[in-house]
Protein backbone atom coordinates (compact mmCIF):
# COMPACT_ATOMS: atom_id res chain seq x y z
CA ASP A 1 45.63 141.82 278.41
CA GLU A 2 46.80 144.61 280.33
CA GLY A 3 50.76 143.96 278.79
CA LEU A 4 48.93 144.87 275.32
CA LEU A 5 48.39 148.22 276.40
CA PHE A 6 51.95 149.53 275.80
CA SER A 7 52.25 147.32 272.16
CA SER A 8 50.94 148.65 268.87
CA ASP A 9 51.37 147.70 265.76
CA GLN A 10 53.42 150.82 264.94
CA ASP A 11 56.32 152.30 266.64
CA LEU A 12 54.76 155.36 268.58
CA LYS A 13 57.35 157.41 270.61
CA SER A 14 57.48 157.68 274.30
CA THR A 15 57.16 160.69 275.90
CA LYS A 16 59.32 162.45 277.90
CA LYS A 17 57.34 163.89 280.00
CA SER A 18 57.10 162.85 283.61
CA GLY A 19 53.25 163.22 284.21
CA PHE A 20 50.49 164.54 281.93
CA THR A 21 46.34 165.07 282.17
CA VAL A 22 43.67 163.87 279.74
CA PRO A 23 40.20 165.24 279.04
CA LYS A 24 37.46 164.05 281.30
CA GLN A 25 35.83 162.81 278.18
CA PHE A 26 38.65 160.48 277.34
CA VAL A 27 38.41 158.69 280.78
CA LYS A 28 34.84 158.28 280.47
CA LEU A 29 35.44 156.61 277.09
CA ALA A 30 38.71 154.44 278.29
CA VAL A 31 36.36 153.12 281.19
CA ARG A 32 33.98 151.63 279.23
CA ALA A 33 35.82 150.60 276.11
CA SER A 34 38.30 148.85 278.35
CA LEU A 35 35.55 145.97 278.81
CA TYR A 36 35.11 145.97 275.09
CA ARG A 37 35.92 141.97 274.04
CA ASP A 38 38.66 142.26 272.18
CA SER A 39 42.54 142.62 272.73
CA GLN A 40 42.89 145.30 270.21
CA LYS A 41 41.40 147.71 272.18
CA TRP A 42 44.58 148.17 273.99
CA ASP A 43 46.34 149.33 271.30
CA VAL A 44 43.19 151.78 270.46
CA LEU A 45 43.31 153.14 273.93
CA TYR A 46 47.33 154.02 273.81
CA ARG A 47 47.71 155.36 270.27
CA VAL A 48 44.49 157.64 271.47
CA LEU A 49 46.38 158.65 275.21
CA TRP A 50 49.52 159.26 273.02
CA ARG A 51 48.46 161.54 270.64
CA LEU A 52 45.97 163.56 273.71
CA VAL A 53 48.98 164.37 275.36
CA ASN A 54 51.46 164.82 272.69
CA GLU A 55 49.65 165.77 269.60
CA LYS A 56 46.33 167.43 269.59
CA ARG A 57 44.70 167.77 273.10
CA GLU A 58 41.13 168.18 271.05
CA LEU A 59 41.58 165.18 269.20
CA LEU A 60 37.96 163.18 270.94
CA SER A 61 36.20 166.19 268.79
CA LEU A 62 37.69 164.82 265.47
CA ARG A 63 34.89 161.55 264.96
CA THR A 64 36.39 161.01 261.59
CA ASP A 65 39.44 160.12 263.17
CA PRO A 66 40.27 156.03 262.87
CA ASP A 67 40.93 155.74 266.14
CA VAL A 68 38.70 158.02 267.70
CA SER A 69 35.77 156.43 265.72
CA ARG A 70 37.39 153.03 267.19
CA LEU A 71 36.90 154.46 270.31
CA HIS A 72 33.41 155.78 270.30
CA LEU A 73 32.36 152.41 268.78
CA MET A 74 33.99 150.30 271.61
CA GLU A 75 32.06 152.54 273.96
CA GLY A 76 29.00 152.94 272.81
CA GLU A 77 28.72 148.93 271.82
CA VAL A 78 29.64 148.35 275.74
CA ARG A 79 27.00 150.72 277.17
CA ARG A 80 24.48 149.37 275.13
CA ASP A 81 25.43 145.94 276.27
CA CYS A 82 24.83 147.05 280.18
CA HIS A 83 21.73 148.35 279.23
CA LYS A 84 20.73 145.05 277.94
CA MET A 85 22.26 142.98 280.90
CA LYS A 86 19.88 145.69 282.96
CA ALA A 87 17.10 145.01 280.86
CA PHE A 88 17.20 141.02 280.23
CA VAL A 89 18.17 139.56 283.08
CA ARG A 90 15.51 137.16 284.86
CA PHE A 91 16.06 135.49 287.86
CA ARG A 92 14.53 132.42 288.73
CA ARG A 93 14.16 130.62 292.44
CA ASP A 94 16.15 127.31 292.78
CA ASP A 95 15.81 124.55 295.08
CA LEU A 96 17.55 126.22 297.99
CA ASP A 97 15.41 129.51 297.39
CA ASN A 98 17.72 131.71 296.02
CA TYR A 99 17.30 133.47 292.72
CA VAL A 100 19.43 132.82 289.92
CA ALA A 101 19.64 133.80 286.19
CA TRP A 102 21.83 133.26 283.15
CA HIS A 103 23.18 136.35 281.00
CA GLU A 104 25.63 135.92 277.71
CA PRO A 105 27.00 139.54 277.75
CA SER A 106 28.27 140.37 274.71
CA HIS A 107 31.57 142.17 276.58
CA LEU A 108 33.20 141.79 279.62
CA ILE A 109 30.63 143.92 281.47
CA VAL A 110 29.63 141.68 284.74
CA LYS A 111 31.31 143.67 287.45
CA ALA A 112 30.92 146.70 286.09
CA VAL A 113 26.57 146.61 286.05
CA SER A 114 26.39 143.96 289.06
CA PRO A 115 26.68 146.93 291.77
CA PHE A 116 23.69 148.12 289.82
CA PHE A 117 21.68 144.51 290.85
CA ALA A 118 22.53 144.91 294.15
CA ARG A 119 20.97 148.13 294.56
CA ARG A 120 17.38 146.91 292.92
CA PHE A 121 17.11 143.72 294.28
CA ASN A 122 19.33 144.05 298.00
CA THR A 123 17.03 141.80 299.73
CA MET A 124 17.28 138.94 297.55
CA ASN A 125 20.15 136.26 297.98
CA TRP A 126 20.88 136.25 294.00
CA ALA A 127 23.43 134.92 291.63
CA ILE A 128 24.17 136.31 287.78
CA LEU A 129 25.59 133.07 286.04
CA THR A 130 28.00 134.45 282.74
CA PRO A 131 30.45 132.28 281.08
CA ASP A 132 33.09 135.03 281.76
CA CYS A 133 32.31 135.83 285.24
CA CYS A 134 29.63 135.03 287.61
CA ALA A 135 28.36 137.84 290.23
CA TYR A 136 27.17 136.32 293.87
CA TRP A 137 24.78 138.67 296.22
CA ASN A 138 23.90 137.61 299.55
CA GLN A 139 22.05 141.07 300.93
CA ASP A 140 25.37 142.25 302.52
CA GLU A 141 28.34 141.41 300.11
CA LEU A 142 28.92 141.34 296.12
CA ARG A 143 31.07 138.78 295.22
CA PHE A 144 32.66 137.19 291.64
CA GLY A 145 33.70 134.30 290.54
CA PRO A 146 34.65 131.85 287.44
CA GLY A 147 32.20 131.88 284.94
CA LEU A 148 29.77 128.40 284.63
CA SER A 149 27.61 126.85 281.77
CA ARG A 150 24.24 127.63 281.82
CA ALA A 151 23.61 124.02 282.91
CA HIS A 152 24.30 125.41 286.45
CA ALA A 153 20.90 127.58 286.23
CA PRO A 154 17.50 126.73 286.66
CA ASP A 155 14.95 126.48 283.92
CA PHE A 156 11.84 127.37 285.07
CA ASP A 157 10.23 128.49 288.30
CA GLU A 158 6.60 130.10 288.99
CA LEU A 159 7.58 133.43 288.62
CA GLU A 160 7.72 132.83 284.53
CA GLU A 161 3.89 132.91 283.85
CA LEU A 162 3.42 136.53 286.23
CA TRP A 163 6.24 138.02 283.61
CA LYS A 164 4.24 136.68 280.86
CA THR A 165 0.99 138.52 282.30
CA TYR A 166 3.28 141.78 282.97
CA TYR A 167 4.74 141.90 279.62
CA ALA A 168 1.47 141.14 277.59
CA ASN A 169 -0.32 144.09 279.69
CA ILE A 170 2.25 146.57 278.39
CA PHE A 171 3.05 145.35 275.51
CA ASN A 172 2.05 147.94 272.38
CA PRO A 173 0.42 146.89 269.66
CA ALA A 174 0.35 150.18 267.86
CA ARG A 175 3.81 150.45 267.73
CA VAL A 176 4.81 147.23 266.55
CA LYS A 177 7.96 146.92 264.31
CA ILE A 178 9.79 143.46 264.01
CA SER A 179 13.07 144.71 262.54
CA ALA A 180 13.25 146.91 265.53
CA MET A 181 12.29 144.77 268.34
CA VAL A 182 14.97 142.20 266.91
CA SER A 183 17.62 144.79 266.89
CA GLU A 184 16.60 145.60 270.88
CA MET A 185 16.02 142.53 272.02
CA PRO A 186 18.22 139.89 270.46
CA LYS A 187 17.28 136.33 269.87
CA LYS A 188 20.72 135.30 272.06
CA TYR A 189 18.61 136.43 275.16
CA TRP A 190 15.03 135.03 274.50
CA HIS A 191 16.05 131.33 276.15
CA THR A 192 16.31 133.23 279.20
CA MET A 193 13.33 135.50 279.07
CA PRO A 194 10.12 133.85 279.89
CA GLU A 195 7.58 137.07 277.84
CA THR A 196 9.38 136.21 274.44
CA ALA A 197 7.27 132.61 274.78
CA ILE A 198 3.92 134.90 274.16
CA ILE A 199 5.57 137.53 271.70
CA GLN A 200 4.18 135.33 268.36
CA GLU A 201 0.56 135.05 270.25
CA LEU A 202 0.78 138.96 270.63
CA LEU A 203 1.94 139.78 267.12
CA MET A 204 -1.13 137.83 265.76
CA GLU A 205 -3.40 139.67 268.47
CA ALA A 206 -1.71 143.57 267.99
CA PRO A 207 -4.51 144.18 264.94
CA GLN A 208 -7.61 143.37 266.96
CA ARG A 209 -5.97 145.36 270.19
CA VAL A 210 -5.15 148.44 268.29
CA GLU A 211 -8.60 148.63 267.32
CA ARG A 212 -9.81 148.46 271.05
CA MET A 213 -6.97 150.88 271.93
CA LEU A 214 -8.47 153.84 268.81
CA GLU A 215 -11.75 153.06 270.97
CA THR A 216 -10.07 155.33 274.13
CA PRO A 217 -8.97 158.63 273.20
CA THR A 218 -4.94 159.00 274.67
CA GLN A 219 -6.26 162.18 276.39
CA ASP A 220 -8.78 160.57 278.39
CA LEU A 221 -5.76 157.98 279.77
CA PRO A 222 -4.87 158.56 283.22
CA VAL A 223 -1.12 159.81 282.23
CA HIS A 224 -2.53 162.26 280.42
CA LEU A 225 -4.92 163.34 282.94
CA VAL A 226 -2.56 163.39 285.79
CA ARG A 227 -0.24 165.14 283.70
CA GLU A 228 -2.42 167.94 282.89
CA THR A 229 -3.54 168.42 286.13
CA LEU A 230 -0.18 168.62 287.77
CA ASN A 231 0.79 170.93 285.17
CA GLN A 232 -1.86 173.60 286.14
CA GLY A 233 -1.15 173.19 289.26
CA GLY A 234 -3.87 171.26 290.62
CA GLY A 235 -3.66 169.86 294.66
CA LEU A 236 -5.73 166.73 295.83
CA ALA A 237 -8.97 168.23 295.06
CA ALA A 238 -7.75 168.88 291.57
CA LEU A 239 -6.51 165.52 291.02
CA SER A 240 -9.68 163.75 293.00
CA GLU A 241 -12.20 165.38 290.47
CA ARG A 242 -10.24 164.45 287.48
CA ALA A 243 -10.28 161.20 288.77
CA SER A 244 -13.97 161.16 289.21
CA SER A 245 -14.18 160.92 285.20
CA CYS A 246 -11.80 158.82 283.91
CA ARG A 247 -11.81 156.08 281.80
CA GLY A 248 -9.11 154.59 281.11
CA CYS A 249 -9.96 150.94 281.15
CA ASP A 250 -13.17 149.05 281.61
CA LEU A 251 -13.70 148.84 285.18
CA CYS A 252 -15.78 152.14 285.31
CA GLN A 253 -18.31 150.99 283.55
CA SER A 254 -19.34 148.14 286.33
CA ALA A 255 -17.98 150.33 289.62
CA THR A 256 -20.28 152.60 291.03
CA GLN A 257 -17.78 155.15 291.36
CA THR A 258 -13.97 156.23 291.51
CA VAL A 259 -13.18 155.68 295.35
CA PHE A 260 -10.14 158.33 295.75
CA GLY A 261 -7.67 158.62 298.49
CA ALA A 262 -8.46 160.13 301.68
CA GLY A 263 -6.99 161.57 304.21
CA PRO A 264 -5.44 164.92 305.24
CA GLU A 265 -3.03 166.79 303.03
CA ALA A 266 -0.17 167.40 305.65
CA VAL A 267 0.27 163.51 305.97
CA GLN A 268 3.27 162.08 307.08
CA ILE A 269 2.05 158.14 306.45
CA VAL A 270 0.16 156.74 303.65
CA PHE A 271 -1.41 153.46 303.61
CA VAL A 272 -1.56 151.94 299.54
CA GLY A 273 -3.67 148.95 299.08
CA GLU A 274 -4.98 146.84 296.12
CA GLN A 275 -8.46 148.48 295.21
CA PRO A 276 -11.43 149.56 296.82
CA GLY A 277 -14.05 146.99 297.79
CA ASP A 278 -17.78 146.75 298.03
CA HIS A 279 -18.34 148.57 301.07
CA GLU A 280 -15.52 151.45 299.49
CA ASP A 281 -17.62 151.27 295.99
CA ARG A 282 -20.74 152.22 297.51
CA GLN A 283 -19.48 155.00 300.13
CA GLY A 284 -16.83 156.32 297.52
CA ARG A 285 -13.88 156.42 300.18
CA PRO A 286 -10.96 153.63 301.02
CA PHE A 287 -10.73 151.59 303.82
CA VAL A 288 -14.42 151.52 305.03
CA GLY A 289 -15.38 147.78 304.58
CA PRO A 290 -14.23 144.89 307.21
CA ALA A 291 -10.68 145.16 306.14
CA GLY A 292 -10.56 148.83 306.69
CA GLN A 293 -12.11 148.54 309.89
CA LEU A 294 -9.38 146.03 310.70
CA LEU A 295 -6.72 148.05 309.86
CA ARG A 296 -8.26 151.44 311.76
CA ARG A 297 -8.61 149.11 315.00
CA CYS A 298 -4.79 148.34 314.69
CA LEU A 299 -3.92 151.89 314.16
CA HIS A 300 -6.04 153.14 317.42
CA ARG A 301 -4.37 149.74 319.12
CA ILE A 302 -0.71 151.88 318.32
CA ASN A 303 -2.51 154.91 319.25
CA LEU A 304 -2.13 156.45 316.01
CA ASN A 305 -5.55 158.33 315.09
CA PRO A 306 -6.76 156.79 311.65
CA GLU A 307 -7.88 160.78 311.10
CA SER A 308 -4.11 161.52 311.02
CA VAL A 309 -3.05 159.49 308.03
CA TYR A 310 -3.93 159.12 304.43
CA PHE A 311 -5.41 156.04 302.90
CA THR A 312 -5.74 155.01 298.89
CA ASN A 313 -5.29 152.56 296.59
CA VAL A 314 -3.14 151.45 293.43
CA VAL A 315 -7.14 150.69 291.34
CA LYS A 316 -9.29 153.60 291.94
CA HIS A 317 -11.88 151.11 290.80
CA PHE A 318 -14.00 148.49 292.01
CA ARG A 319 -13.18 144.97 290.25
CA TRP A 320 -16.09 142.28 291.00
CA GLU A 321 -17.55 139.63 289.81
CA PRO A 322 -21.10 138.33 291.07
CA SER A 323 -21.34 135.69 294.01
CA PRO A 324 -21.86 131.97 292.54
CA SER A 325 -24.95 131.77 295.21
CA GLY A 326 -27.02 134.74 293.64
CA GLY A 327 -28.03 137.62 295.68
CA LYS A 328 -26.91 141.06 295.36
CA ARG A 329 -23.29 140.38 296.46
CA ARG A 330 -20.56 141.30 294.60
CA LEU A 331 -17.31 139.60 295.27
CA HIS A 332 -13.47 141.35 294.93
CA LYS A 333 -12.03 140.12 291.91
CA ARG A 334 -8.28 141.15 291.47
CA ALA A 335 -6.88 143.42 289.09
CA THR A 336 -5.16 142.81 285.70
CA TRP A 337 -2.02 144.20 285.08
CA ARG A 338 -3.36 146.49 282.08
CA GLN A 339 -5.83 147.69 284.48
CA ILE A 340 -3.14 148.32 287.33
CA GLU A 341 -0.79 150.02 284.79
CA THR A 342 -3.53 152.50 283.40
CA CYS A 343 -4.32 153.45 286.93
CA ARG A 344 -1.07 154.02 288.88
CA PRO A 345 -0.66 157.32 287.44
CA TRP A 346 -3.28 159.11 289.82
CA VAL A 347 -1.53 156.59 293.07
CA GLU A 348 1.96 158.21 291.89
CA ALA A 349 0.87 161.51 291.62
CA GLU A 350 -0.85 161.57 295.09
CA LEU A 351 2.16 160.68 296.68
CA GLN A 352 3.88 163.19 294.99
CA LEU A 353 1.69 165.88 296.02
CA LEU A 354 1.68 164.61 299.61
CA LYS A 355 5.31 163.98 300.35
CA PRO A 356 5.22 161.83 303.04
CA ARG A 357 7.58 160.38 305.71
CA VAL A 358 6.18 156.68 305.32
CA VAL A 359 4.89 154.84 302.45
CA VAL A 360 3.18 151.26 303.99
CA LEU A 361 1.99 149.26 300.69
CA LEU A 362 -0.66 147.21 301.74
CA GLY A 363 -0.77 143.54 300.23
CA ALA A 364 1.03 142.19 297.10
CA THR A 365 -0.57 144.04 294.28
CA ALA A 366 0.33 147.21 295.93
CA LEU A 367 3.99 145.89 296.16
CA GLN A 368 4.50 144.55 292.63
CA ALA A 369 3.24 147.82 291.03
CA LEU A 370 4.89 150.19 292.90
CA ILE A 371 8.05 148.36 293.78
CA GLY A 372 8.19 145.76 290.80
CA PRO A 373 6.36 142.61 289.38
CA GLU A 374 9.35 140.41 291.18
CA SER A 375 8.66 141.66 294.56
CA ARG A 376 6.74 139.38 296.92
CA VAL A 377 5.18 140.02 300.25
CA SER A 378 6.49 136.66 302.24
CA GLU A 379 10.08 138.24 301.29
CA LEU A 380 9.95 141.98 302.18
CA ARG A 381 6.82 142.07 304.55
CA GLY A 382 8.26 144.35 307.73
CA ARG A 383 11.31 145.37 305.44
CA LEU A 384 12.41 149.04 304.20
CA LEU A 385 12.53 149.03 300.72
CA ASP A 386 14.93 150.94 298.65
CA SER A 387 12.37 153.37 296.66
CA GLU A 388 12.00 157.10 295.44
CA LEU A 389 8.38 156.87 296.76
CA ALA A 390 9.51 157.94 300.00
CA PRO A 391 12.18 158.13 302.49
CA HIS A 392 11.00 155.28 304.41
CA VAL A 393 8.52 152.59 302.31
CA MET A 394 7.97 148.94 304.06
CA ALA A 395 5.57 146.39 302.63
CA THR A 396 3.53 144.15 304.75
CA VAL A 397 0.08 141.92 304.07
CA HIS A 398 -3.14 143.70 303.26
CA PRO A 399 -5.51 143.07 306.73
CA SER A 400 -7.98 141.43 304.37
CA SER A 401 -5.54 138.65 304.24
CA LEU A 402 -5.63 138.39 308.26
CA LEU A 403 -9.76 138.37 308.06
CA ARG A 404 -9.36 135.12 305.84
CA MET A 405 -7.54 133.39 308.11
CA LYS A 406 -9.42 130.55 309.70
CA ASP A 407 -7.34 129.51 312.56
CA SER A 408 -8.28 131.86 315.41
CA ARG A 409 -5.25 131.78 317.09
CA GLN A 410 -3.18 132.01 314.20
CA GLN A 411 -4.78 135.12 313.33
CA GLN A 412 -4.24 136.97 316.76
CA LEU A 413 -0.15 135.76 315.99
CA GLU A 414 -0.77 137.78 312.71
CA ILE A 415 -2.76 140.54 313.32
CA ASP A 416 0.11 141.29 316.56
CA ARG A 417 2.59 140.84 314.00
CA PHE A 418 0.71 143.51 311.96
CA CYS A 419 0.40 145.72 314.62
CA ARG A 420 4.09 145.83 315.10
CA GLU A 421 4.97 146.49 311.86
CA LEU A 422 2.51 149.73 311.92
CA GLN A 423 4.10 150.44 314.87
CA VAL A 424 7.65 150.65 313.12
CA ALA A 425 5.95 152.92 310.49
CA MET A 426 4.67 155.38 312.80
CA ASP A 427 8.30 155.89 314.67
CA LEU A 428 9.55 156.10 311.14
CA ALA A 429 7.31 158.79 310.89
CA GLY A 430 8.42 160.71 314.06
């Protein structure tokens, strides 16, 4: 292909200049346009380059010029293709515990886009297979190899259902436009995207979901309440007060009260869990039940005063179901993705105001809500995560999982490990 850069259908004069400069805009356009899947791109690039140097330096401002128009068209298609690769790649776990994705880009973008995935999924061993080129990441080095067929990629893994649940909860039935959906999510990518299997079902349910959405005024949703509070210069106290009247989801109907975060505002470490439990719901403070008591004992064990840290949850209301045995006991029930997504602005605002040095995510819900739905505690436990939440972000188990362990010896080993992870967090806080 490189030889074509110096060929053309027309006789182009060579310049006598020994050196030249071009606008930065041309360099940016040329880098992307060079990834366009058409050998004629080199002809266009050379003509534009020659004309910039020898004829008109302001050439790129003439969008009606055939060469300039073609250059912008190629750059735009490559840019959109890069966006689609970032949005539509779906990893599936293979038999060797690696994550493999199959993708069919329209242009030659694999090497340009793969560094994004290396940064985003830096703690996973993954491969992105395409017909042109394959990218491989081993948590240390990004390598490339020849293209492969789709047969080399797995067809299914257990994350499929999680993706379907996640997509169902972010699907907005009030903004359904079939033509735009197909345009933005071309059907050529559907066979690698598990969420597309439920699109027809979601479209059929859209009218009923719109009616339910209309029953909740948008100004009462957490995202609007949070933005309004922060714009007014409100701090944690104002945020907590607004959250106490939140009606963004149905959890407020069965919970006793909103359980907002608690702790000093000048704080270095924030612990984020899933949701309040039965004790927290009754007392109105996070981490005061059995799991919270275990966490506080572990903090004392490493000589970290629990009163010096901040405790909060992703979801601010207790989701529960009656005990099958009857009585007044209420059993914890995991929040849905819709409830998590609705409530998440509160914890994000807390972190924005607190600006801690360390954020510790306790359990799968906190990890997946704030890092990503594919994240797993079993793989990321104890590791430092790449996130804008704080300078240092790490994940570990929720203390409630330690309480559920039946083997007392294994339980003590896991508590010891949990304490070591808390020690790392304390050391990072300085």
